[in-house]
């Protein structure tokens, strides 16, 4: 089964074109943690002890939150989860994260900022698999 950690060039272009100029977006993150975080190839040094993917993701959030808030992002929800009630059996996620940004431009500026890129390796080290779904608010 294929796993996903980061976007492709194509998905980034489609995302930007689809959401540019449409107001606030909420990013739905589905997260599956590695049993043990893997900091090889992340560019982050100084992590000497073995920690779980969940612990590495907690470090990621700790370091990312101030950068995110400064850029205009806001965590709306973070919680643990498991298998689907409706969906594939035995294919669940460890956590769900909802982050709201003022616009697609704010999100892109945050995700490409030097401050964020310095700490993004904690995310890479922590995740076995992920999904990121951008959502626009709609009226019923």
C-alpha atoms as a PDB file:
ATOM      1  CA  UNK A   1       0.000   0.000   0.000  1.00  0.00           C
ATOM      2  CA  UNK A   2       1.330   3.426  -0.953  1.00  0.00           C
ATOM      3  CA  UNK A   3       1.966   5.951   1.798  1.00  0.00           C
ATOM      4  CA  UNK A   4       1.975   9.739   1.626  1.00  0.00           C
ATOM      5  CA  UNK A   5       4.049  12.190   3.655  1.00  0.00           C
ATOM      6  CA  UNK A   6       4.364  15.277   1.461  1.00  0.00           C
ATOM      7  CA  UNK A   7       2.657  16.835  -1.557  1.00  0.00           C
ATOM      8  CA  UNK A   8       3.714  16.375  -5.157  1.00  0.00           C
ATOM      9  CA  UNK A   9       4.457  19.322  -7.441  1.00  0.00           C
ATOM     10  CA  UNK A  10       1.246  18.530  -9.321  1.00  0.00           C
ATOM     11  CA  UNK A  11      -0.933  18.379  -6.186  1.00  0.00           C
ATOM     12  CA  UNK A  12       0.525  21.689  -4.985  1.00  0.00           C
ATOM     13  CA  UNK A  13      -0.331  23.414  -8.282  1.00  0.00           C
ATOM     14  CA  UNK A  14      -3.871  21.999  -8.266  1.00  0.00           C
ATOM     15  CA  UNK A  15      -4.375  22.996  -4.623  1.00  0.00           C
ATOM     16  CA  UNK A  16      -3.223  26.558  -5.211  1.00  0.00           C
ATOM     17  CA  UNK A  17      -5.342  26.973  -8.350  1.00  0.00           C
ATOM     18  CA  UNK A  18      -8.440  25.505  -6.725  1.00  0.00           C
ATOM     19  CA  UNK A  19      -8.315  27.528  -3.484  1.00  0.00           C
ATOM     20  CA  UNK A  20      -6.636  30.858  -4.412  1.00  0.00           C
ATOM     21  CA  UNK A  21      -8.817  33.839  -3.557  1.00  0.00           C
ATOM     22  CA  UNK A  22     -11.600  31.797  -1.935  1.00  0.00           C
ATOM     23  CA  UNK A  23     -11.142  32.816   1.693  1.00  0.00           C
ATOM     24  CA  UNK A  24     -10.226  30.819   4.784  1.00  0.00           C
ATOM     25  CA  UNK A  25      -9.310  27.159   4.412  1.00  0.00           C
ATOM     26  CA  UNK A  26      -9.188  24.387   6.964  1.00  0.00           C
ATOM     27  CA  UNK A  27      -6.614  21.646   6.520  1.00  0.00           C
ATOM     28  CA  UNK A  28      -7.766  18.202   7.658  1.00  0.00           C
ATOM     29  CA  UNK A  29      -4.731  16.109   8.613  1.00  0.00           C
ATOM     30  CA  UNK A  30      -5.035  12.331   9.091  1.00  0.00           C
ATOM     31  CA  UNK A  31      -1.919  11.005  10.800  1.00  0.00           C
ATOM     32  CA  UNK A  32      -0.393   7.529  11.227  1.00  0.00           C
ATOM     33  CA  UNK A  33       2.711   7.563  13.438  1.00  0.00           C
ATOM     34  CA  UNK A  34       5.813   5.429  13.082  1.00  0.00           C
ATOM     35  CA  UNK A  35       6.469   3.147  16.059  1.00  0.00           C
ATOM     36  CA  UNK A  36       9.950   4.757  16.345  1.00  0.00           C
ATOM     37  CA  UNK A  37      10.689   8.161  14.780  1.00  0.00           C
ATOM     38  CA  UNK A  38      13.303   8.106  12.022  1.00  0.00           C
ATOM     39  CA  UNK A  39      15.400  11.257  11.840  1.00  0.00           C
ATOM     40  CA  UNK A  40      17.647   9.996   9.011  1.00  0.00           C
ATOM     41  CA  UNK A  41      17.426  12.319   5.998  1.00  0.00           C
ATOM     42  CA  UNK A  42      15.458  14.993   7.885  1.00  0.00           C
ATOM     43  CA  UNK A  43      18.231  17.536   8.344  1.00  0.00           C
ATOM     44  CA  UNK A  44      17.510  17.692  12.076  1.00  0.00           C
ATOM     45  CA  UNK A  45      20.416  16.874  14.335  1.00  0.00           C
ATOM     46  CA  UNK A  46      20.682  16.453  18.062  1.00  0.00           C
ATOM     47  CA  UNK A  47      17.934  13.855  18.521  1.00  0.00           C
ATOM     48  CA  UNK A  48      19.920  11.146  20.268  1.00  0.00           C
ATOM     49  CA  UNK A  49      17.369   9.027  22.108  1.00  0.00           C
ATOM     50  CA  UNK A  50      14.855   6.832  20.367  1.00  0.00           C
ATOM     51  CA  UNK A  51      11.410   8.350  20.597  1.00  0.00           C
ATOM     52  CA  UNK A  52       8.082   7.250  19.197  1.00  0.00           C
ATOM     53  CA  UNK A  53       6.538   8.824  16.142  1.00  0.00           C
ATOM     54  CA  UNK A  54       3.849  10.251  18.403  1.00  0.00           C
ATOM     55  CA  UNK A  55       6.500  11.913  20.587  1.00  0.00           C
ATOM     56  CA  UNK A  56       8.281  13.289  17.508  1.00  0.00           C
ATOM     57  CA  UNK A  57       4.996  14.706  16.235  1.00  0.00           C
ATOM     58  CA  UNK A  58       4.446  16.369  19.619  1.00  0.00           C
ATOM     59  CA  UNK A  59       7.873  18.038  19.164  1.00  0.00           C
ATOM     60  CA  UNK A  60       6.820  19.075  15.667  1.00  0.00           C
ATOM     61  CA  UNK A  61       3.652  20.724  17.012  1.00  0.00           C
ATOM     62  CA  UNK A  62       5.547  22.391  19.871  1.00  0.00           C
ATOM     63  CA  UNK A  63       8.030  23.992  17.468  1.00  0.00           C
ATOM     64  CA  UNK A  64       5.517  24.672  14.693  1.00  0.00           C
ATOM     65  CA  UNK A  65       2.747  26.315  16.712  1.00  0.00           C
ATOM     66  CA  UNK A  66       4.488  29.693  17.231  1.00  0.00           C
ATOM     67  CA  UNK A  67       5.515  29.838  13.553  1.00  0.00           C
ATOM     68  CA  UNK A  68       2.001  28.865  12.464  1.00  0.00           C
ATOM     69  CA  UNK A  69       0.303  31.438  14.697  1.00  0.00           C
ATOM     70  CA  UNK A  70       2.660  34.191  13.544  1.00  0.00           C
ATOM     71  CA  UNK A  71       1.798  33.322   9.930  1.00  0.00           C
ATOM     72  CA  UNK A  72      -1.961  33.408  10.626  1.00  0.00           C
ATOM     73  CA  UNK A  73      -2.728  29.722  11.176  1.00  0.00           C
ATOM     74  CA  UNK A  74      -4.763  28.371  14.053  1.00  0.00           C
ATOM     75  CA  UNK A  75      -5.202  24.811  15.338  1.00  0.00           C
ATOM     76  CA  UNK A  76      -8.934  24.169  15.681  1.00  0.00           C
ATOM     77  CA  UNK A  77      -8.778  20.546  16.842  1.00  0.00           C
ATOM     78  CA  UNK A  78      -6.268  17.802  17.621  1.00  0.00           C
ATOM     79  CA  UNK A  79      -7.324  14.391  18.822  1.00  0.00           C
ATOM     80  CA  UNK A  80      -6.603  10.672  18.886  1.00  0.00           C
ATOM     81  CA  UNK A  81      -8.588   8.248  16.776  1.00  0.00           C
ATOM     82  CA  UNK A  82      -8.607   4.666  15.564  1.00  0.00           C
ATOM     83  CA  UNK A  83     -10.386   2.545  12.980  1.00  0.00           C
ATOM     84  CA  UNK A  84     -13.230   3.882  10.855  1.00  0.00           C
ATOM     85  CA  UNK A  85     -16.840   3.401  11.849  1.00  0.00           C
ATOM     86  CA  UNK A  86     -17.704   3.681   8.146  1.00  0.00           C
ATOM     87  CA  UNK A  87     -14.792   2.821   5.898  1.00  0.00           C
ATOM     88  CA  UNK A  88     -12.103   0.224   5.398  1.00  0.00           C
ATOM     89  CA  UNK A  89     -11.727  -2.285   8.222  1.00  0.00           C
ATOM     90  CA  UNK A  90      -8.433  -2.204  10.122  1.00  0.00           C
ATOM     91  CA  UNK A  91      -7.341   0.949   8.319  1.00  0.00           C
ATOM     92  CA  UNK A  92      -7.512   3.718  10.842  1.00  0.00           C
ATOM     93  CA  UNK A  93      -5.427   6.680  11.826  1.00  0.00           C
ATOM     94  CA  UNK A  94      -3.660   7.602  15.047  1.00  0.00           C
ATOM     95  CA  UNK A  95      -4.651  11.263  15.140  1.00  0.00           C
ATOM     96  CA  UNK A  96      -6.639  13.986  13.411  1.00  0.00           C
ATOM     97  CA  UNK A  97      -5.597  17.629  13.207  1.00  0.00           C
ATOM     98  CA  UNK A  98      -7.656  20.545  11.886  1.00  0.00           C
ATOM     99  CA  UNK A  99      -5.764  23.771  11.149  1.00  0.00           C
ATOM    100  CA  UNK A 100      -7.403  26.918   9.803  1.00  0.00           C
ATOM    101  CA  UNK A 101      -5.572  29.483   7.682  1.00  0.00           C
ATOM    102  CA  UNK A 102      -6.841  32.889   6.576  1.00  0.00           C
ATOM    103  CA  UNK A 103      -6.235  31.973   2.933  1.00  0.00           C
ATOM    104  CA  UNK A 104      -4.344  29.628   0.653  1.00  0.00           C
ATOM    105  CA  UNK A 105      -1.663  32.318   0.319  1.00  0.00           C
ATOM    106  CA  UNK A 106      -1.182  32.382   4.099  1.00  0.00           C
ATOM    107  CA  UNK A 107      -0.850  28.591   4.163  1.00  0.00           C
ATOM    108  CA  UNK A 108       1.647  28.545   1.283  1.00  0.00           C
ATOM    109  CA  UNK A 109       3.729  31.339   2.841  1.00  0.00           C
ATOM    110  CA  UNK A 110       3.808  29.431   6.133  1.00  0.00           C
ATOM    111  CA  UNK A 111       4.674  26.068   4.516  1.00  0.00           C
ATOM    112  CA  UNK A 112       7.490  27.619   2.472  1.00  0.00           C
ATOM    113  CA  UNK A 113       8.913  29.844   5.219  1.00  0.00           C
ATOM    114  CA  UNK A 114      12.480  29.315   6.346  1.00  0.00           C
ATOM    115  CA  UNK A 115      11.323  29.095   9.971  1.00  0.00           C
ATOM    116  CA  UNK A 116       8.919  26.230   9.147  1.00  0.00           C
ATOM    117  CA  UNK A 117      11.313  24.363   6.870  1.00  0.00           C
ATOM    118  CA  UNK A 118      13.882  24.228   9.694  1.00  0.00           C
ATOM    119  CA  UNK A 119      11.477  22.220  11.871  1.00  0.00           C
ATOM    120  CA  UNK A 120       9.467  20.262   9.276  1.00  0.00           C
ATOM    121  CA  UNK A 121      11.835  17.295   9.655  1.00  0.00           C
ATOM    122  CA  UNK A 122      10.119  16.405  12.940  1.00  0.00           C
ATOM    123  CA  UNK A 123       6.931  15.779  10.920  1.00  0.00           C
ATOM    124  CA  UNK A 124       8.795  13.629   8.397  1.00  0.00           C
ATOM    125  CA  UNK A 125      10.515  11.677  11.178  1.00  0.00           C
ATOM    126  CA  UNK A 126       7.249  11.015  12.979  1.00  0.00           C
ATOM    127  CA  UNK A 127       4.867   9.901  10.232  1.00  0.00           C
ATOM    128  CA  UNK A 128       4.381   6.517   8.641  1.00  0.00           C
ATOM    129  CA  UNK A 129       1.499   7.824   6.527  1.00  0.00           C
ATOM    130  CA  UNK A 130      -0.691  10.922   6.271  1.00  0.00           C
ATOM    131  CA  UNK A 131      -3.414  12.648   4.326  1.00  0.00           C
ATOM    132  CA  UNK A 132      -3.952  16.397   4.000  1.00  0.00           C
ATOM    133  CA  UNK A 133      -7.334  17.568   2.738  1.00  0.00           C
ATOM    134  CA  UNK A 134      -8.001  21.286   2.221  1.00  0.00           C
ATOM    135  CA  UNK A 135     -11.584  22.323   3.010  1.00  0.00           C
ATOM    136  CA  UNK A 136     -13.538  25.495   2.243  1.00  0.00           C
ATOM    137  CA  UNK A 137     -16.433  26.426   4.509  1.00  0.00           C
ATOM    138  CA  UNK A 138     -19.822  26.130   2.809  1.00  0.00           C
ATOM    139  CA  UNK A 139     -23.280  27.329   3.690  1.00  0.00           C
ATOM    140  CA  UNK A 140     -25.967  24.672   4.017  1.00  0.00           C
END
